[in-house]
């Protein structure tokens, strides 16, 4: 009887001393900036850029000659500004994104992700006719377009 109680006590101690598995079920990934391209003459209609090139200074091209109506681009988490160049195959626009990066705690298993606050967009608008909005309070997810670009 003492052996049984001792074995049960040992099993109970092992079971209760195990640490709970902690899996990251959330997606803690730092969000990308999502842009959608629209027809400047009909602002409700999506419009493909037929030959889109996107790159940052000193970096490889993110998009090279693609035909698309939407893109996502990463922002530099160690700086307060990211500058991209957008080309439609004939001219180049400089698109500048200024922001305040902030670490946001997700959970013990997921760690931290970056969010971008006080976001300001500027462009020299050569082939891009216009864009909205010019400011955002926060970019915390990338499940919807942040900026609409009209060309």
C-alpha atoms as a PDB file:
ATOM      1  CA  UNK A   1       0.000   0.000   0.000  1.00  0.00           C
ATOM      2  CA  UNK A   2       2.861   2.379   0.850  1.00  0.00           C
ATOM      3  CA  UNK A   3       4.460   1.609  -2.524  1.00  0.00           C
ATOM      4  CA  UNK A   4       1.227   2.458  -4.370  1.00  0.00           C
ATOM      5  CA  UNK A   5       0.830   5.751  -2.529  1.00  0.00           C
ATOM      6  CA  UNK A   6       4.496   6.564  -3.142  1.00  0.00           C
ATOM      7  CA  UNK A   7       4.195   5.789  -6.876  1.00  0.00           C
ATOM      8  CA  UNK A   8       0.950   7.795  -7.181  1.00  0.00           C
ATOM      9  CA  UNK A   9       2.583  10.690  -5.303  1.00  0.00           C
ATOM     10  CA  UNK A  10       5.585  10.567  -7.632  1.00  0.00           C
ATOM     11  CA  UNK A  11       3.347  10.523 -10.756  1.00  0.00           C
ATOM     12  CA  UNK A  12       1.267  13.405  -9.379  1.00  0.00           C
ATOM     13  CA  UNK A  13       4.436  15.400  -8.671  1.00  0.00           C
ATOM     14  CA  UNK A  14       5.757  14.808 -12.215  1.00  0.00           C
ATOM     15  CA  UNK A  15       2.443  15.776 -13.832  1.00  0.00           C
ATOM     16  CA  UNK A  16       2.017  18.965 -11.806  1.00  0.00           C
ATOM     17  CA  UNK A  17       5.633  20.065 -12.194  1.00  0.00           C
ATOM     18  CA  UNK A  18       5.552  20.001 -16.009  1.00  0.00           C
ATOM     19  CA  UNK A  19       5.421  23.396 -17.621  1.00  0.00           C
ATOM     20  CA  UNK A  20       2.568  24.176 -19.979  1.00  0.00           C
ATOM     21  CA  UNK A  21       3.538  24.149 -23.648  1.00  0.00           C
ATOM     22  CA  UNK A  22       3.384  27.697 -24.923  1.00  0.00           C
ATOM     23  CA  UNK A  23       2.760  27.971 -28.646  1.00  0.00           C
ATOM     24  CA  UNK A  24       2.443  31.195 -30.545  1.00  0.00           C
ATOM     25  CA  UNK A  25      -1.033  31.065 -32.066  1.00  0.00           C
ATOM     26  CA  UNK A  26      -1.060  34.725 -33.055  1.00  0.00           C
ATOM     27  CA  UNK A  27       0.826  36.131 -36.006  1.00  0.00           C
ATOM     28  CA  UNK A  28       3.297  38.529 -34.402  1.00  0.00           C
ATOM     29  CA  UNK A  29       4.854  39.516 -37.690  1.00  0.00           C
ATOM     30  CA  UNK A  30       5.652  43.192 -38.138  1.00  0.00           C
ATOM     31  CA  UNK A  31       3.137  44.530 -40.670  1.00  0.00           C
ATOM     32  CA  UNK A  32       4.015  45.574 -44.198  1.00  0.00           C
ATOM     33  CA  UNK A  33       2.691  48.720 -45.840  1.00  0.00           C
ATOM     34  CA  UNK A  34      -0.124  47.740 -48.243  1.00  0.00           C
ATOM     35  CA  UNK A  35      -0.752  49.928 -51.305  1.00  0.00           C
ATOM     36  CA  UNK A  36      -3.551  49.665 -53.895  1.00  0.00           C
ATOM     37  CA  UNK A  37      -3.456  51.319 -57.308  1.00  0.00           C
ATOM     38  CA  UNK A  38      -6.560  53.064 -58.696  1.00  0.00           C
ATOM     39  CA  UNK A  39      -7.577  54.798 -61.903  1.00  0.00           C
ATOM     40  CA  UNK A  40      -7.107  58.558 -61.485  1.00  0.00           C
ATOM     41  CA  UNK A  41     -10.070  59.350 -63.758  1.00  0.00           C
ATOM     42  CA  UNK A  42     -12.394  56.916 -61.904  1.00  0.00           C
ATOM     43  CA  UNK A  43     -11.236  56.806 -58.287  1.00  0.00           C
ATOM     44  CA  UNK A  44     -13.378  53.762 -57.388  1.00  0.00           C
ATOM     45  CA  UNK A  45     -11.808  51.488 -60.025  1.00  0.00           C
ATOM     46  CA  UNK A  46      -8.667  49.469 -59.372  1.00  0.00           C
ATOM     47  CA  UNK A  47      -6.092  49.909 -62.138  1.00  0.00           C
ATOM     48  CA  UNK A  48      -3.076  47.710 -62.805  1.00  0.00           C
ATOM     49  CA  UNK A  49       0.353  49.228 -63.161  1.00  0.00           C
ATOM     50  CA  UNK A  50       1.486  47.427 -66.308  1.00  0.00           C
ATOM     51  CA  UNK A  51       5.212  47.481 -65.621  1.00  0.00           C
ATOM     52  CA  UNK A  52       5.823  48.184 -61.923  1.00  0.00           C
ATOM     53  CA  UNK A  53       9.306  48.357 -60.460  1.00  0.00           C
ATOM     54  CA  UNK A  54       9.767  49.009 -56.716  1.00  0.00           C
ATOM     55  CA  UNK A  55      13.083  49.338 -54.896  1.00  0.00           C
ATOM     56  CA  UNK A  56      14.712  51.111 -51.956  1.00  0.00           C
ATOM     57  CA  UNK A  57      18.050  52.890 -52.218  1.00  0.00           C
ATOM     58  CA  UNK A  58      20.898  50.397 -51.963  1.00  0.00           C
ATOM     59  CA  UNK A  59      18.531  47.392 -51.945  1.00  0.00           C
ATOM     60  CA  UNK A  60      17.424  44.808 -54.502  1.00  0.00           C
ATOM     61  CA  UNK A  61      14.152  45.330 -56.334  1.00  0.00           C
ATOM     62  CA  UNK A  62      11.070  44.105 -54.496  1.00  0.00           C
ATOM     63  CA  UNK A  63       8.992  44.136 -57.685  1.00  0.00           C
ATOM     64  CA  UNK A  64      10.511  44.058 -61.135  1.00  0.00           C
ATOM     65  CA  UNK A  65       8.309  44.606 -64.202  1.00  0.00           C
ATOM     66  CA  UNK A  66       5.142  43.136 -62.651  1.00  0.00           C
ATOM     67  CA  UNK A  67       1.557  43.895 -63.628  1.00  0.00           C
ATOM     68  CA  UNK A  68      -0.468  44.395 -60.452  1.00  0.00           C
ATOM     69  CA  UNK A  69      -3.060  46.575 -58.718  1.00  0.00           C
ATOM     70  CA  UNK A  70      -1.702  46.098 -55.181  1.00  0.00           C
ATOM     71  CA  UNK A  71       1.601  45.567 -53.403  1.00  0.00           C
ATOM     72  CA  UNK A  72       2.978  45.220 -49.902  1.00  0.00           C
ATOM     73  CA  UNK A  73       6.356  46.623 -48.890  1.00  0.00           C
ATOM     74  CA  UNK A  74       8.290  46.365 -45.612  1.00  0.00           C
ATOM     75  CA  UNK A  75       9.220  49.397 -43.541  1.00  0.00           C
ATOM     76  CA  UNK A  76      12.623  49.724 -41.902  1.00  0.00           C
ATOM     77  CA  UNK A  77      12.127  48.955 -38.194  1.00  0.00           C
ATOM     78  CA  UNK A  78      15.450  50.487 -37.114  1.00  0.00           C
ATOM     79  CA  UNK A  79      14.864  53.870 -38.777  1.00  0.00           C
ATOM     80  CA  UNK A  80      12.148  56.529 -38.706  1.00  0.00           C
ATOM     81  CA  UNK A  81      11.867  56.817 -42.481  1.00  0.00           C
ATOM     82  CA  UNK A  82      11.804  54.487 -45.471  1.00  0.00           C
ATOM     83  CA  UNK A  83      12.190  55.742 -49.047  1.00  0.00           C
ATOM     84  CA  UNK A  84      10.974  53.688 -51.997  1.00  0.00           C
ATOM     85  CA  UNK A  85      11.214  54.332 -55.702  1.00  0.00           C
ATOM     86  CA  UNK A  86       8.227  53.365 -57.877  1.00  0.00           C
ATOM     87  CA  UNK A  87       8.606  53.167 -61.632  1.00  0.00           C
ATOM     88  CA  UNK A  88       5.941  52.465 -64.245  1.00  0.00           C
ATOM     89  CA  UNK A  89       8.603  51.683 -66.840  1.00  0.00           C
ATOM     90  CA  UNK A  90       8.868  55.258 -68.126  1.00  0.00           C
ATOM     91  CA  UNK A  91       9.271  57.525 -65.062  1.00  0.00           C
ATOM     92  CA  UNK A  92      10.192  57.166 -61.391  1.00  0.00           C
ATOM     93  CA  UNK A  93       8.401  58.484 -58.299  1.00  0.00           C
ATOM     94  CA  UNK A  94      10.020  58.800 -54.903  1.00  0.00           C
ATOM     95  CA  UNK A  95       7.645  57.650 -52.143  1.00  0.00           C
ATOM     96  CA  UNK A  96       8.741  58.542 -48.612  1.00  0.00           C
ATOM     97  CA  UNK A  97       7.197  57.059 -45.476  1.00  0.00           C
ATOM     98  CA  UNK A  98       8.051  58.717 -42.133  1.00  0.00           C
ATOM     99  CA  UNK A  99       6.978  57.107 -38.847  1.00  0.00           C
ATOM    100  CA  UNK A 100       7.765  56.298 -35.246  1.00  0.00           C
ATOM    101  CA  UNK A 101       8.494  52.569 -34.782  1.00  0.00           C
ATOM    102  CA  UNK A 102       7.320  51.042 -31.506  1.00  0.00           C
ATOM    103  CA  UNK A 103       7.725  47.536 -30.106  1.00  0.00           C
ATOM    104  CA  UNK A 104       4.467  45.908 -29.089  1.00  0.00           C
ATOM    105  CA  UNK A 105       4.383  42.901 -26.773  1.00  0.00           C
ATOM    106  CA  UNK A 106       2.337  40.020 -28.205  1.00  0.00           C
ATOM    107  CA  UNK A 107       2.835  37.184 -25.689  1.00  0.00           C
ATOM    108  CA  UNK A 108       5.516  35.163 -23.948  1.00  0.00           C
ATOM    109  CA  UNK A 109       5.717  32.656 -26.780  1.00  0.00           C
ATOM    110  CA  UNK A 110       5.331  35.154 -29.635  1.00  0.00           C
ATOM    111  CA  UNK A 111       7.555  37.887 -28.269  1.00  0.00           C
ATOM    112  CA  UNK A 112       7.355  41.368 -29.773  1.00  0.00           C
ATOM    113  CA  UNK A 113       6.371  42.888 -33.097  1.00  0.00           C
ATOM    114  CA  UNK A 114       6.878  46.381 -34.425  1.00  0.00           C
ATOM    115  CA  UNK A 115       4.025  48.788 -35.086  1.00  0.00           C
ATOM    116  CA  UNK A 116       4.400  52.125 -36.833  1.00  0.00           C
ATOM    117  CA  UNK A 117       2.845  55.263 -35.350  1.00  0.00           C
ATOM    118  CA  UNK A 118       2.397  58.822 -36.621  1.00  0.00           C
ATOM    119  CA  UNK A 119       2.854  57.726 -40.240  1.00  0.00           C
ATOM    120  CA  UNK A 120       3.298  60.426 -42.910  1.00  0.00           C
ATOM    121  CA  UNK A 121       3.430  59.765 -46.672  1.00  0.00           C
ATOM    122  CA  UNK A 122       4.993  62.090 -49.262  1.00  0.00           C
ATOM    123  CA  UNK A 123       5.765  61.686 -52.957  1.00  0.00           C
ATOM    124  CA  UNK A 124       7.122  63.737 -55.844  1.00  0.00           C
ATOM    125  CA  UNK A 125       4.137  62.452 -57.923  1.00  0.00           C
ATOM    126  CA  UNK A 126       5.342  62.299 -61.520  1.00  0.00           C
ATOM    127  CA  UNK A 127       3.373  59.312 -62.881  1.00  0.00           C
ATOM    128  CA  UNK A 128       1.482  58.922 -59.605  1.00  0.00           C
ATOM    129  CA  UNK A 129      -1.180  61.628 -59.820  1.00  0.00           C
ATOM    130  CA  UNK A 130      -2.311  61.524 -56.197  1.00  0.00           C
ATOM    131  CA  UNK A 131      -2.554  59.293 -53.123  1.00  0.00           C
ATOM    132  CA  UNK A 132      -4.620  59.103 -49.948  1.00  0.00           C
ATOM    133  CA  UNK A 133      -4.291  59.319 -47.036  1.00  0.00           C
ATOM    134  CA  UNK A 134      -1.253  61.500 -46.372  1.00  0.00           C
ATOM    135  CA  UNK A 135      -1.154  60.507 -42.686  1.00  0.00           C
ATOM    136  CA  UNK A 136      -2.105  57.499 -40.561  1.00  0.00           C
ATOM    137  CA  UNK A 137      -2.233  57.168 -36.797  1.00  0.00           C
ATOM    138  CA  UNK A 138      -0.940  53.575 -36.709  1.00  0.00           C
ATOM    139  CA  UNK A 139       0.037  50.668 -38.939  1.00  0.00           C
ATOM    140  CA  UNK A 140      -0.440  47.593 -36.748  1.00  0.00           C
ATOM    141  CA  UNK A 141      -1.737  45.001 -39.262  1.00  0.00           C
ATOM    142  CA  UNK A 142      -1.434  44.378 -42.970  1.00  0.00           C
ATOM    143  CA  UNK A 143      -4.833  42.829 -43.665  1.00  0.00           C
ATOM    144  CA  UNK A 144      -6.170  45.896 -45.568  1.00  0.00           C
ATOM    145  CA  UNK A 145      -4.764  48.605 -47.824  1.00  0.00           C
ATOM    146  CA  UNK A 146      -3.168  51.532 -46.030  1.00  0.00           C
ATOM    147  CA  UNK A 147      -2.663  53.818 -49.045  1.00  0.00           C
ATOM    148  CA  UNK A 148      -4.601  54.288 -52.283  1.00  0.00           C
ATOM    149  CA  UNK A 149      -2.435  55.470 -55.174  1.00  0.00           C
ATOM    150  CA  UNK A 150      -4.087  57.094 -58.220  1.00  0.00           C
ATOM    151  CA  UNK A 151      -2.349  56.953 -61.588  1.00  0.00           C
END
